[in-house]
PDB file of N, CA and C in Angstrom:
ATOM      1  N   MET A   1      29.995  73.988  70.967  1.00  0.00           N
ATOM      2  CA  MET A   1      30.686  72.889  71.515  1.00  0.00           C
ATOM      3  C   MET A   1      31.839  73.414  72.346  1.00  0.00           C
ATOM      4  N   SER A   2      31.945  72.908  73.584  1.00  0.00           N
ATOM      5  CA  SER A   2      32.962  73.387  74.520  1.00  0.00           C
ATOM      6  C   SER A   2      34.384  72.942  74.297  1.00  0.00           C
ATOM      7  N   GLY A   3      34.486  71.869  73.484  1.00  0.00           N
ATOM      8  CA  GLY A   3      35.864  71.297  73.186  1.00  0.00           C
ATOM      9  C   GLY A   3      36.258  70.259  74.321  1.00  0.00           C
ATOM     10  N   LYS A   4      35.454  70.037  75.298  1.00  0.00           N
ATOM     11  CA  LYS A   4      35.731  69.079  76.311  1.00  0.00           C
ATOM     12  C   LYS A   4      35.171  67.739  75.901  1.00  0.00           C
ATOM     13  N   PRO A   5      35.792  66.662  76.454  1.00  0.00           N
ATOM     14  CA  PRO A   5      35.261  65.318  76.085  1.00  0.00           C
ATOM     15  C   PRO A   5      33.822  65.209  76.570  1.00  0.00           C
ATOM     16  N   ALA A   6      33.005  64.540  75.894  1.00  0.00           N
ATOM     17  CA  ALA A   6      31.570  64.450  76.263  1.00  0.00           C
ATOM     18  C   ALA A   6      31.354  63.813  77.654  1.00  0.00           C
ATOM     19  N   LEU A   7      32.219  62.843  78.031  1.00  0.00           N
ATOM     20  CA  LEU A   7      31.992  62.132  79.279  1.00  0.00           C
ATOM     21  C   LEU A   7      32.522  63.038  80.454  1.00  0.00           C
ATOM     22  N   GLN A   8      33.295  64.021  80.300  1.00  0.00           N
ATOM     23  CA  GLN A   8      33.808  64.815  81.303  1.00  0.00           C
ATOM     24  C   GLN A   8      32.698  65.474  82.149  1.00  0.00           C
ATOM     25  N   ASN A   9      31.712  65.875  81.535  1.00  0.00           N
ATOM     26  CA  ASN A   9      30.615  66.610  82.209  1.00  0.00           C
ATOM     27  C   ASN A   9      29.467  65.684  82.600  1.00  0.00           C
ATOM     28  N   ASP A  10      29.499  64.444  82.269  1.00  0.00           N
ATOM     29  CA  ASP A  10      28.438  63.517  82.552  1.00  0.00           C
ATOM     30  C   ASP A  10      28.377  63.246  84.015  1.00  0.00           C
ATOM     31  N   PRO A  11      27.162  63.043  84.506  1.00  0.00           N
ATOM     32  CA  PRO A  11      27.070  62.552  85.924  1.00  0.00           C
ATOM     33  C   PRO A  11      27.568  61.104  86.043  1.00  0.00           C
ATOM     34  N   ALA A  12      27.782  60.748  87.251  1.00  0.00           N
ATOM     35  CA  ALA A  12      28.201  59.360  87.465  1.00  0.00           C
ATOM     36  C   ALA A  12      27.208  58.410  86.795  1.00  0.00           C
ATOM     37  N   PRO A  13      27.671  57.325  86.162  1.00  0.00           N
ATOM     38  CA  PRO A  13      26.668  56.439  85.490  1.00  0.00           C
ATOM     39  C   PRO A  13      25.827  55.625  86.481  1.00  0.00           C
ATOM     40  N   TRP A  14      24.572  55.208  86.012  1.00  0.00           N
ATOM     41  CA  TRP A  14      23.751  54.452  86.803  1.00  0.00           C
ATOM     42  C   TRP A  14      24.289  53.021  86.742  1.00  0.00           C
ATOM     43  N   GLY A  15      24.942  52.638  85.782  1.00  0.00           N
ATOM     44  CA  GLY A  15      25.447  51.253  85.723  1.00  0.00           C
ATOM     45  C   GLY A  15      26.519  51.147  84.590  1.00  0.00           C
ATOM     46  N   LEU A  16      27.211  50.189  84.599  1.00  0.00           N
ATOM     47  CA  LEU A  16      28.315  49.915  83.638  1.00  0.00           C
ATOM     48  C   LEU A  16      28.054  48.515  83.011  1.00  0.00           C
ATOM     49  N   LEU A  17      28.239  48.455  81.708  1.00  0.00           N
ATOM     50  CA  LEU A  17      28.117  47.224  80.968  1.00  0.00           C
ATOM     51  C   LEU A  17      29.463  46.940  80.307  1.00  0.00           C
ATOM     52  N   THR A  18      30.076  45.791  80.541  1.00  0.00           N
ATOM     53  CA  THR A  18      31.317  45.399  79.882  1.00  0.00           C
ATOM     54  C   THR A  18      30.932  44.206  79.064  1.00  0.00           C
ATOM     55  N   SER A  19      31.180  44.243  77.751  1.00  0.00           N
ATOM     56  CA  SER A  19      30.895  43.159  76.820  1.00  0.00           C
ATOM     57  C   SER A  19      32.307  42.710  76.183  1.00  0.00           C
ATOM     58  N   LEU A  20      32.572  41.454  76.512  1.00  0.00           N
ATOM     59  CA  LEU A  20      33.860  40.880  75.939  1.00  0.00           C
ATOM     60  C   LEU A  20      33.591  39.923  74.864  1.00  0.00           C
ATOM     61  N   ASP A  21      34.396  39.966  73.765  1.00  0.00           N
ATOM     62  CA  ASP A  21      34.366  38.989  72.690  1.00  0.00           C
ATOM     63  C   ASP A  21      35.731  38.360  72.836  1.00  0.00           C
ATOM     64  N   ILE A  22      35.756  37.059  73.273  1.00  0.00           N
ATOM     65  CA  ILE A  22      36.979  36.400  73.563  1.00  0.00           C
ATOM     66  C   ILE A  22      37.263  35.243  72.540  1.00  0.00           C
ATOM     67  N   TYR A  23      38.421  35.405  71.847  1.00  0.00           N
ATOM     68  CA  TYR A  23      38.674  34.539  70.790  1.00  0.00           C
ATOM     69  C   TYR A  23      39.753  33.516  71.022  1.00  0.00           C
ATOM     70  N   ASP A  24      39.676  32.325  70.339  1.00  0.00           N
ATOM     71  CA  ASP A  24      40.641  31.237  70.410  1.00  0.00           C
ATOM     72  C   ASP A  24      40.806  30.815  71.846  1.00  0.00           C
ATOM     73  N   CYS A  25      39.755  30.550  72.477  1.00  0.00           N
ATOM     74  CA  CYS A  25      39.771  30.022  73.873  1.00  0.00           C
ATOM     75  C   CYS A  25      40.129  28.582  73.867  1.00  0.00           C
ATOM     76  N   ASN A  26      40.611  28.058  75.009  1.00  0.00           N
ATOM     77  CA  ASN A  26      40.974  26.638  75.224  1.00  0.00           C
ATOM     78  C   ASN A  26      39.584  25.858  75.127  1.00  0.00           C
ATOM     79  N   PRO A  27      39.524  25.044  74.110  1.00  0.00           N
ATOM     80  CA  PRO A  27      38.228  24.255  74.033  1.00  0.00           C
ATOM     81  C   PRO A  27      37.969  23.361  75.220  1.00  0.00           C
ATOM     82  N   ARG A  28      38.938  22.931  75.969  1.00  0.00           N
ATOM     83  CA  ARG A  28      38.683  22.043  77.158  1.00  0.00           C
ATOM     84  C   ARG A  28      38.060  22.814  78.201  1.00  0.00           C
ATOM     85  N   ILE A  29      38.296  24.120  78.286  1.00  0.00           N
ATOM     86  CA  ILE A  29      37.705  24.963  79.300  1.00  0.00           C
ATOM     87  C   ILE A  29      36.304  25.419  78.918  1.00  0.00           C
ATOM     88  N   ILE A  30      36.060  25.879  77.813  1.00  0.00           N
ATOM     89  CA  ILE A  30      34.719  26.412  77.432  1.00  0.00           C
ATOM     90  C   ILE A  30      33.677  25.290  77.235  1.00  0.00           C
ATOM     91  N   ARG A  31      34.152  24.028  77.148  1.00  0.00           N
ATOM     92  CA  ARG A  31      33.203  22.935  77.031  1.00  0.00           C
ATOM     93  C   ARG A  31      32.955  22.178  78.345  1.00  0.00           C
ATOM     94  N   ARG A  32      33.346  22.753  79.492  1.00  0.00           N
ATOM     95  CA  ARG A  32      33.132  22.083  80.732  1.00  0.00           C
ATOM     96  C   ARG A  32      32.293  23.003  81.616  1.00  0.00           C
ATOM     97  N   LYS A  33      31.116  22.463  82.017  1.00  0.00           N
ATOM     98  CA  LYS A  33      30.201  23.196  82.844  1.00  0.00           C
ATOM     99  C   LYS A  33      30.894  23.658  84.155  1.00  0.00           C
ATOM    100  N   GLU A  34      31.619  22.737  84.807  1.00  0.00           N
ATOM    101  CA  GLU A  34      32.204  23.061  86.016  1.00  0.00           C
ATOM    102  C   GLU A  34      33.236  24.199  85.905  1.00  0.00           C
ATOM    103  N   ALA A  35      34.070  24.277  84.802  1.00  0.00           N
ATOM    104  CA  ALA A  35      34.977  25.244  84.561  1.00  0.00           C
ATOM    105  C   ALA A  35      34.292  26.649  84.404  1.00  0.00           C
ATOM    106  N   ILE A  36      33.174  26.633  83.751  1.00  0.00           N
ATOM    107  CA  ILE A  36      32.423  27.924  83.544  1.00  0.00           C
ATOM    108  C   ILE A  36      31.922  28.451  84.954  1.00  0.00           C
ATOM    109  N   GLU A  37      31.374  27.469  85.705  1.00  0.00           N
ATOM    110  CA  GLU A  37      30.824  27.789  87.027  1.00  0.00           C
ATOM    111  C   GLU A  37      31.957  28.445  87.881  1.00  0.00           C
ATOM    112  N   ARG A  38      33.115  27.792  87.792  1.00  0.00           N
ATOM    113  CA  ARG A  38      34.320  28.201  88.630  1.00  0.00           C
ATOM    114  C   ARG A  38      34.703  29.662  88.170  1.00  0.00           C
ATOM    115  N   TYR A  39      34.652  29.852  86.803  1.00  0.00           N
ATOM    116  CA  TYR A  39      34.974  31.159  86.309  1.00  0.00           C
ATOM    117  C   TYR A  39      34.155  32.187  86.874  1.00  0.00           C
ATOM    118  N   VAL A  40      32.876  32.003  87.035  1.00  0.00           N
ATOM    119  CA  VAL A  40      31.889  33.023  87.544  1.00  0.00           C
ATOM    120  C   VAL A  40      32.229  33.312  88.990  1.00  0.00           C
ATOM    121  N   VAL A  41      32.541  32.215  89.791  1.00  0.00           N
ATOM    122  CA  VAL A  41      32.867  32.437  91.193  1.00  0.00           C
ATOM    123  C   VAL A  41      34.117  33.289  91.299  1.00  0.00           C
ATOM    124  N   GLU A  42      35.152  32.952  90.567  1.00  0.00           N
ATOM    125  CA  GLU A  42      36.381  33.666  90.630  1.00  0.00           C
ATOM    126  C   GLU A  42      36.313  35.062  90.137  1.00  0.00           C
ATOM    127  N   LEU A  43      35.626  35.311  89.100  1.00  0.00           N
ATOM    128  CA  LEU A  43      35.277  36.642  88.524  1.00  0.00           C
ATOM    129  C   LEU A  43      34.626  37.496  89.551  1.00  0.00           C
ATOM    130  N   CYS A  44      33.533  37.015  90.249  1.00  0.00           N
ATOM    131  CA  CYS A  44      32.839  37.697  91.166  1.00  0.00           C
ATOM    132  C   CYS A  44      33.719  38.115  92.364  1.00  0.00           C
ATOM    133  N   GLU A  45      34.634  37.248  92.793  1.00  0.00           N
ATOM    134  CA  GLU A  45      35.576  37.515  93.791  1.00  0.00           C
ATOM    135  C   GLU A  45      36.510  38.684  93.427  1.00  0.00           C
ATOM    136  N   ARG A  46      37.018  38.639  92.164  1.00  0.00           N
ATOM    137  CA  ARG A  46      37.973  39.616  91.717  1.00  0.00           C
ATOM    138  C   ARG A  46      37.349  41.043  91.551  1.00  0.00           C
ATOM    139  N   ILE A  47      36.107  41.074  91.229  1.00  0.00           N
ATOM    140  CA  ILE A  47      35.438  42.429  91.002  1.00  0.00           C
ATOM    141  C   ILE A  47      34.505  42.778  92.165  1.00  0.00           C
ATOM    142  N   ASP A  48      34.587  41.979  93.200  1.00  0.00           N
ATOM    143  CA  ASP A  48      33.790  42.206  94.502  1.00  0.00           C
ATOM    144  C   ASP A  48      32.305  42.396  94.196  1.00  0.00           C
ATOM    145  N   MET A  49      31.800  41.320  93.584  1.00  0.00           N
ATOM    146  CA  MET A  49      30.310  41.211  93.378  1.00  0.00           C
ATOM    147  C   MET A  49      29.811  40.027  94.089  1.00  0.00           C
ATOM    148  N   ARG A  50      28.568  40.315  94.742  1.00  0.00           N
ATOM    149  CA  ARG A  50      27.995  39.217  95.525  1.00  0.00           C
ATOM    150  C   ARG A  50      27.014  38.460  94.619  1.00  0.00           C
ATOM    151  N   ARG A  51      27.188  37.183  94.467  1.00  0.00           N
ATOM    152  CA  ARG A  51      26.374  36.338  93.638  1.00  0.00           C
ATOM    153  C   ARG A  51      25.023  36.181  94.408  1.00  0.00           C
ATOM    154  N   PHE A  52      23.946  36.103  93.558  1.00  0.00           N
ATOM    155  CA  PHE A  52      22.584  35.980  94.154  1.00  0.00           C
ATOM    156  C   PHE A  52      22.047  34.654  93.474  1.00  0.00           C
ATOM    157  N   GLY A  53      21.968  33.619  94.283  1.00  0.00           N
ATOM    158  CA  GLY A  53      21.438  32.443  93.749  1.00  0.00           C
ATOM    159  C   GLY A  53      22.584  31.623  92.950  1.00  0.00           C
ATOM    160  N   PRO A  54      22.244  30.481  92.507  1.00  0.00           N
ATOM    161  CA  PRO A  54      23.143  29.644  91.819  1.00  0.00           C
ATOM    162  C   PRO A  54      23.404  30.131  90.329  1.00  0.00           C
ATOM    163  N   CYS A  55      24.664  29.837  89.812  1.00  0.00           N
ATOM    164  CA  CYS A  55      24.924  30.022  88.455  1.00  0.00           C
ATOM    165  C   CYS A  55      24.284  29.042  87.647  1.00  0.00           C
ATOM    166  N   GLN A  56      23.607  29.503  86.559  1.00  0.00           N
ATOM    167  CA  GLN A  56      22.913  28.630  85.636  1.00  0.00           C
ATOM    168  C   GLN A  56      23.834  28.435  84.400  1.00  0.00           C
ATOM    169  N   VAL A  57      24.178  27.184  84.145  1.00  0.00           N
ATOM    170  CA  VAL A  57      24.920  26.848  82.940  1.00  0.00           C
ATOM    171  C   VAL A  57      24.180  25.744  82.176  1.00  0.00           C
ATOM    172  N   VAL A  58      23.851  26.054  80.930  1.00  0.00           N
ATOM    173  CA  VAL A  58      22.941  25.217  80.134  1.00  0.00           C
ATOM    174  C   VAL A  58      23.538  24.955  78.762  1.00  0.00           C
ATOM    175  N   TYR A  59      23.542  23.716  78.306  1.00  0.00           N
ATOM    176  CA  TYR A  59      24.116  23.509  76.977  1.00  0.00           C
ATOM    177  C   TYR A  59      22.922  23.405  75.980  1.00  0.00           C
ATOM    178  N   PHE A  60      23.083  24.102  74.879  1.00  0.00           N
ATOM    179  CA  PHE A  60      21.997  23.986  73.810  1.00  0.00           C
ATOM    180  C   PHE A  60      22.554  24.429  72.457  1.00  0.00           C
ATOM    181  N   GLY A  61      21.803  24.228  71.456  1.00  0.00           N
ATOM    182  CA  GLY A  61      22.112  24.665  70.173  1.00  0.00           C
ATOM    183  C   GLY A  61      22.138  23.488  69.141  1.00  0.00           C
ATOM    184  N   GLU A  62      21.091  23.305  68.440  1.00  0.00           N
ATOM    185  CA  GLU A  62      20.941  22.299  67.380  1.00  0.00           C
ATOM    186  C   GLU A  62      21.880  22.736  66.190  1.00  0.00           C
ATOM    187  N   ASP A  63      21.950  24.019  65.920  1.00  0.00           N
ATOM    188  CA  ASP A  63      22.830  24.500  64.891  1.00  0.00           C
ATOM    189  C   ASP A  63      24.259  24.479  65.366  1.00  0.00           C
ATOM    190  N   GLU A  64      25.198  23.803  64.681  1.00  0.00           N
ATOM    191  CA  GLU A  64      26.564  23.667  65.070  1.00  0.00           C
ATOM    192  C   GLU A  64      27.194  25.118  65.266  1.00  0.00           C
ATOM    193  N   ARG A  65      26.717  26.086  64.459  1.00  0.00           N
ATOM    194  CA  ARG A  65      27.315  27.432  64.541  1.00  0.00           C
ATOM    195  C   ARG A  65      27.148  28.079  65.900  1.00  0.00           C
ATOM    196  N   VAL A  66      26.077  27.755  66.596  1.00  0.00           N
ATOM    197  CA  VAL A  66      25.872  28.426  67.825  1.00  0.00           C
ATOM    198  C   VAL A  66      25.856  27.461  69.059  1.00  0.00           C
ATOM    199  N   ALA A  67      26.072  26.193  68.845  1.00  0.00           N
ATOM    200  CA  ALA A  67      26.099  25.154  69.874  1.00  0.00           C
ATOM    201  C   ALA A  67      27.148  25.488  70.923  1.00  0.00           C
ATOM    202  N   GLY A  68      26.833  25.301  72.284  1.00  0.00           N
ATOM    203  CA  GLY A  68      27.693  25.493  73.272  1.00  0.00           C
ATOM    204  C   GLY A  68      26.920  25.838  74.539  1.00  0.00           C
ATOM    205  N   TYR A  69      27.686  26.078  75.612  1.00  0.00           N
ATOM    206  CA  TYR A  69      27.095  26.452  76.883  1.00  0.00           C
ATOM    207  C   TYR A  69      26.706  27.861  76.960  1.00  0.00           C
ATOM    208  N   SER A  70      25.629  28.159  77.632  1.00  0.00           N
ATOM    209  CA  SER A  70      25.228  29.560  77.961  1.00  0.00           C
ATOM    210  C   SER A  70      25.185  29.627  79.476  1.00  0.00           C
ATOM    211  N   MET A  71      25.479  30.766  80.013  1.00  0.00           N
ATOM    212  CA  MET A  71      25.602  30.961  81.492  1.00  0.00           C
ATOM    213  C   MET A  71      24.963  32.299  81.872  1.00  0.00           C
ATOM    214  N   ILE A  72      24.309  32.297  83.042  1.00  0.00           N
ATOM    215  CA  ILE A  72      23.767  33.465  83.597  1.00  0.00           C
ATOM    216  C   ILE A  72      23.995  33.382  85.167  1.00  0.00           C
ATOM    217  N   GLN A  73      24.416  34.450  85.720  1.00  0.00           N
ATOM    218  CA  GLN A  73      24.646  34.509  87.199  1.00  0.00           C
ATOM    219  C   GLN A  73      24.053  35.955  87.676  1.00  0.00           C
ATOM    220  N   LEU A  74      23.006  35.796  88.368  1.00  0.00           N
ATOM    221  CA  LEU A  74      22.490  37.040  89.011  1.00  0.00           C
ATOM    222  C   LEU A  74      23.439  37.488  90.088  1.00  0.00           C
ATOM    223  N   ILE A  75      23.694  38.838  90.217  1.00  0.00           N
ATOM    224  CA  ILE A  75      24.542  39.362  91.207  1.00  0.00           C
ATOM    225  C   ILE A  75      23.615  40.455  91.895  1.00  0.00           C
ATOM    226  N   GLU A  76      23.896  40.836  93.089  1.00  0.00           N
ATOM    227  CA  GLU A  76      23.093  41.719  93.844  1.00  0.00           C
ATOM    228  C   GLU A  76      22.783  43.058  93.118  1.00  0.00           C
ATOM    229  N   THR A  77      23.768  43.375  92.257  1.00  0.00           N
ATOM    230  CA  THR A  77      23.640  44.689  91.534  1.00  0.00           C
ATOM    231  C   THR A  77      23.261  44.558  90.069  1.00  0.00           C
ATOM    232  N   SER A  78      23.039  43.355  89.569  1.00  0.00           N
ATOM    233  CA  SER A  78      22.466  43.017  88.269  1.00  0.00           C
ATOM    234  C   SER A  78      22.838  41.578  87.820  1.00  0.00           C
ATOM    235  N   LEU A  79      23.710  41.508  86.806  1.00  0.00           N
ATOM    236  CA  LEU A  79      23.966  40.052  86.375  1.00  0.00           C
ATOM    237  C   LEU A  79      25.292  39.963  85.426  1.00  0.00           C
ATOM    238  N   ILE A  80      25.668  38.652  85.308  1.00  0.00           N
ATOM    239  CA  ILE A  80      26.796  38.330  84.444  1.00  0.00           C
ATOM    240  C   ILE A  80      26.179  37.199  83.548  1.00  0.00           C
ATOM    241  N   SER A  81      26.384  37.370  82.245  1.00  0.00           N
ATOM    242  CA  SER A  81      25.982  36.329  81.359  1.00  0.00           C
ATOM    243  C   SER A  81      26.996  35.975  80.218  1.00  0.00           C
ATOM    244  N   GLY A  82      26.798  34.924  79.587  1.00  0.00           N
ATOM    245  CA  GLY A  82      27.809  34.610  78.600  1.00  0.00           C
ATOM    246  C   GLY A  82      27.314  33.383  77.707  1.00  0.00           C
ATOM    247  N   HIS A  83      27.959  33.249  76.542  1.00  0.00           N
ATOM    248  CA  HIS A  83      27.683  32.161  75.692  1.00  0.00           C
ATOM    249  C   HIS A  83      29.091  31.722  75.150  1.00  0.00           C
ATOM    250  N   PHE A  84      29.257  30.399  75.070  1.00  0.00           N
ATOM    251  CA  PHE A  84      30.517  29.783  74.652  1.00  0.00           C
ATOM    252  C   PHE A  84      30.260  29.004  73.323  1.00  0.00           C
ATOM    253  N   ALA A  85      30.806  29.459  72.243  1.00  0.00           N
ATOM    254  CA  ALA A  85      30.589  28.834  70.950  1.00  0.00           C
ATOM    255  C   ALA A  85      31.628  27.775  70.599  1.00  0.00           C
ATOM    256  N   ASN A  86      31.199  26.581  70.589  1.00  0.00           N
ATOM    257  CA  ASN A  86      32.022  25.399  70.314  1.00  0.00           C
ATOM    258  C   ASN A  86      32.737  25.528  69.039  1.00  0.00           C
ATOM    259  N   LEU A  87      32.000  25.841  67.952  1.00  0.00           N
ATOM    260  CA  LEU A  87      32.608  25.823  66.543  1.00  0.00           C
ATOM    261  C   LEU A  87      33.842  26.763  66.391  1.00  0.00           C
ATOM    262  N   THR A  88      33.755  27.948  67.036  1.00  0.00           N
ATOM    263  CA  THR A  88      34.826  28.874  66.866  1.00  0.00           C
ATOM    264  C   THR A  88      35.725  29.056  68.158  1.00  0.00           C
ATOM    265  N   ASN A  89      35.429  28.263  69.181  1.00  0.00           N
ATOM    266  CA  ASN A  89      36.203  28.395  70.390  1.00  0.00           C
ATOM    267  C   ASN A  89      36.193  29.873  70.937  1.00  0.00           C
ATOM    268  N   ALA A  90      34.995  30.509  70.925  1.00  0.00           N
ATOM    269  CA  ALA A  90      34.929  31.859  71.332  1.00  0.00           C
ATOM    270  C   ALA A  90      33.900  31.952  72.465  1.00  0.00           C
ATOM    271  N   ALA A  91      34.175  33.022  73.303  1.00  0.00           N
ATOM    272  CA  ALA A  91      33.265  33.251  74.422  1.00  0.00           C
ATOM    273  C   ALA A  91      32.767  34.735  74.334  1.00  0.00           C
ATOM    274  N   TYR A  92      31.533  34.962  74.706  1.00  0.00           N
ATOM    275  CA  TYR A  92      30.926  36.280  74.617  1.00  0.00           C
ATOM    276  C   TYR A  92      30.311  36.482  76.063  1.00  0.00           C
ATOM    277  N   ILE A  93      30.972  37.323  76.775  1.00  0.00           N
ATOM    278  CA  ILE A  93      30.646  37.629  78.190  1.00  0.00           C
ATOM    279  C   ILE A  93      30.142  39.031  78.316  1.00  0.00           C
ATOM    280  N   ASP A  94      29.062  39.189  79.170  1.00  0.00           N
ATOM    281  CA  ASP A  94      28.616  40.511  79.512  1.00  0.00           C
ATOM    282  C   ASP A  94      28.489  40.659  81.058  1.00  0.00           C
ATOM    283  N   VAL A  95      29.000  41.702  81.561  1.00  0.00           N
ATOM    284  CA  VAL A  95      28.870  42.003  83.042  1.00  0.00           C
ATOM    285  C   VAL A  95      28.189  43.424  83.143  1.00  0.00           C
ATOM    286  N   PHE A  96      27.024  43.310  83.712  1.00  0.00           N
ATOM    287  CA  PHE A  96      26.321  44.634  83.978  1.00  0.00           C
ATOM    288  C   PHE A  96      26.135  44.840  85.429  1.00  0.00           C
ATOM    289  N   SER A  97      26.452  45.984  85.946  1.00  0.00           N
ATOM    290  CA  SER A  97      26.334  46.206  87.375  1.00  0.00           C
ATOM    291  C   SER A  97      26.143  47.740  87.584  1.00  0.00           C
ATOM    292  N   CYS A  98      25.257  48.034  88.562  1.00  0.00           N
ATOM    293  CA  CYS A  98      25.193  49.438  89.041  1.00  0.00           C
ATOM    294  C   CYS A  98      26.220  49.730  90.117  1.00  0.00           C
ATOM    295  N   LYS A  99      26.995  48.746  90.518  1.00  0.00           N
ATOM    296  CA  LYS A  99      28.119  48.895  91.494  1.00  0.00           C
ATOM    297  C   LYS A  99      29.369  49.007  90.618  1.00  0.00           C
ATOM    298  N   PRO A 100      30.205  49.996  90.851  1.00  0.00           N
ATOM    299  CA  PRO A 100      31.435  50.176  90.033  1.00  0.00           C
ATOM    300  C   PRO A 100      32.353  48.994  90.076  1.00  0.00           C
ATOM    301  N   TYR A 101      33.029  48.775  88.984  1.00  0.00           N
ATOM    302  CA  TYR A 101      34.003  47.739  88.873  1.00  0.00           C
ATOM    303  C   TYR A 101      34.933  48.054  87.725  1.00  0.00           C
ATOM    304  N   ASP A 102      36.033  47.494  87.622  1.00  0.00           N
ATOM    305  CA  ASP A 102      37.079  47.810  86.617  1.00  0.00           C
ATOM    306  C   ASP A 102      36.961  46.836  85.350  1.00  0.00           C
ATOM    307  N   PRO A 103      36.530  47.430  84.262  1.00  0.00           N
ATOM    308  CA  PRO A 103      36.299  46.608  83.028  1.00  0.00           C
ATOM    309  C   PRO A 103      37.645  45.892  82.574  1.00  0.00           C
ATOM    310  N   GLU A 104      38.716  46.513  82.772  1.00  0.00           N
ATOM    311  CA  GLU A 104      39.997  45.932  82.405  1.00  0.00           C
ATOM    312  C   GLU A 104      40.348  44.673  83.214  1.00  0.00           C
ATOM    313  N   THR A 105      39.954  44.733  84.489  1.00  0.00           N
ATOM    314  CA  THR A 105      40.117  43.542  85.347  1.00  0.00           C
ATOM    315  C   THR A 105      39.334  42.392  84.870  1.00  0.00           C
ATOM    316  N   VAL A 106      38.063  42.642  84.467  1.00  0.00           N
ATOM    317  CA  VAL A 106      37.207  41.634  83.823  1.00  0.00           C
ATOM    318  C   VAL A 106      37.883  41.012  82.581  1.00  0.00           C
ATOM    319  N   ALA A 107      38.309  41.910  81.701  1.00  0.00           N
ATOM    320  CA  ALA A 107      38.895  41.466  80.417  1.00  0.00           C
ATOM    321  C   ALA A 107      40.263  40.667  80.643  1.00  0.00           C
ATOM    322  N   ASP A 108      41.160  41.210  81.496  1.00  0.00           N
ATOM    323  CA  ASP A 108      42.408  40.497  81.723  1.00  0.00           C
ATOM    324  C   ASP A 108      42.144  39.147  82.321  1.00  0.00           C
ATOM    325  N   PHE A 109      41.294  39.073  83.351  1.00  0.00           N
ATOM    326  CA  PHE A 109      41.031  37.810  84.059  1.00  0.00           C
ATOM    327  C   PHE A 109      40.397  36.820  83.078  1.00  0.00           C
ATOM    328  N   SER A 110      39.374  37.288  82.348  1.00  0.00           N
ATOM    329  CA  SER A 110      38.682  36.421  81.395  1.00  0.00           C
ATOM    330  C   SER A 110      39.623  35.795  80.352  1.00  0.00           C
ATOM    331  N   LYS A 111      40.456  36.708  79.751  1.00  0.00           N
ATOM    332  CA  LYS A 111      41.479  36.223  78.791  1.00  0.00           C
ATOM    333  C   LYS A 111      42.376  35.146  79.327  1.00  0.00           C
ATOM    334  N   ALA A 112      42.842  35.377  80.571  1.00  0.00           N
ATOM    335  CA  ALA A 112      43.778  34.458  81.158  1.00  0.00           C
ATOM    336  C   ALA A 112      43.077  33.108  81.495  1.00  0.00           C
ATOM    337  N   TYR A 113      41.794  33.251  82.076  1.00  0.00           N
ATOM    338  CA  TYR A 113      41.146  32.050  82.512  1.00  0.00           C
ATOM    339  C   TYR A 113      40.809  31.123  81.362  1.00  0.00           C
ATOM    340  N   PHE A 114      40.340  31.752  80.264  1.00  0.00           N
ATOM    341  CA  PHE A 114      39.904  30.835  79.109  1.00  0.00           C
ATOM    342  C   PHE A 114      41.087  30.601  78.208  1.00  0.00           C
ATOM    343  N   GLU A 115      42.332  30.974  78.646  1.00  0.00           N
ATOM    344  CA  GLU A 115      43.570  30.797  77.844  1.00  0.00           C
ATOM    345  C   GLU A 115      43.396  31.200  76.408  1.00  0.00           C
ATOM    346  N   ALA A 116      42.818  32.414  76.200  1.00  0.00           N
ATOM    347  CA  ALA A 116      42.482  32.963  74.938  1.00  0.00           C
ATOM    348  C   ALA A 116      43.554  33.683  74.235  1.00  0.00           C
ATOM    349  N   ALA A 117      43.506  33.705  72.937  1.00  0.00           N
ATOM    350  CA  ALA A 117      44.562  34.469  72.166  1.00  0.00           C
ATOM    351  C   ALA A 117      44.324  35.924  72.222  1.00  0.00           C
ATOM    352  N   HIS A 118      43.036  36.442  72.186  1.00  0.00           N
ATOM    353  CA  HIS A 118      42.846  37.828  72.309  1.00  0.00           C
ATOM    354  C   HIS A 118      41.337  38.080  72.727  1.00  0.00           C
ATOM    355  N   VAL A 119      41.129  39.332  73.122  1.00  0.00           N
ATOM    356  CA  VAL A 119      39.813  39.732  73.620  1.00  0.00           C
ATOM    357  C   VAL A 119      39.566  41.103  73.124  1.00  0.00           C
ATOM    358  N   THR A 120      38.328  41.364  72.704  1.00  0.00           N
ATOM    359  CA  THR A 120      37.833  42.688  72.331  1.00  0.00           C
ATOM    360  C   THR A 120      36.889  43.138  73.437  1.00  0.00           C
ATOM    361  N   ILE A 121      37.038  44.294  73.940  1.00  0.00           N
ATOM    362  CA  ILE A 121      36.282  44.782  75.057  1.00  0.00           C
ATOM    363  C   ILE A 121      35.442  46.032  74.583  1.00  0.00           C
ATOM    364  N   HIS A 122      34.192  45.969  74.960  1.00  0.00           N
ATOM    365  CA  HIS A 122      33.246  47.062  74.711  1.00  0.00           C
ATOM    366  C   HIS A 122      32.654  47.540  76.086  1.00  0.00           C
ATOM    367  N   VAL A 123      32.796  48.815  76.436  1.00  0.00           N
ATOM    368  CA  VAL A 123      32.283  49.338  77.702  1.00  0.00           C
ATOM    369  C   VAL A 123      31.233  50.351  77.440  1.00  0.00           C
ATOM    370  N   THR A 124      30.042  50.247  78.007  1.00  0.00           N
ATOM    371  CA  THR A 124      28.988  51.161  77.912  1.00  0.00           C
ATOM    372  C   THR A 124      28.597  51.613  79.191  1.00  0.00           C
ATOM    373  N   ARG A 125      28.522  53.040  79.357  1.00  0.00           N
ATOM    374  CA  ARG A 125      28.033  53.617  80.617  1.00  0.00           C
ATOM    375  C   ARG A 125      26.548  53.773  80.482  1.00  0.00           C
ATOM    376  N   ARG A 126      25.759  53.203  81.384  1.00  0.00           N
ATOM    377  CA  ARG A 126      24.280  53.363  81.377  1.00  0.00           C
ATOM    378  C   ARG A 126      23.961  54.531  82.295  1.00  0.00           C
ATOM    379  N   MET A 127      23.280  55.482  81.690  1.00  0.00           N
ATOM    380  CA  MET A 127      22.892  56.701  82.426  1.00  0.00           C
ATOM    381  C   MET A 127      21.516  56.700  83.056  1.00  0.00           C
TER     382      MET A 127
END
């Protein structure tokens, strides 16, 4: 072992996945389809992603534990998806793109937009 961090010698990633677990969101925001659609538009502007087609936001879930809106937005370099859990006022957002972007920008904007108490961020480089 060379003692160098594993990522130091890695080639540039093919893509980047940022997964956010966002807790204690404002329930008035995560329960409004229009607010979720606006979030996607503003997020794409902030991270310079071009939307491809309309944002789909669908409400479902017979089980109260998982009931809420789910969202998907195709972008030219992949997609943004999410689920909003009414019971716990949590949001689970994934941004995957082969175009570089800043995961911290995604996390900071998402936390502020949903007026959340805290966010856990997971970043995966796809090789």
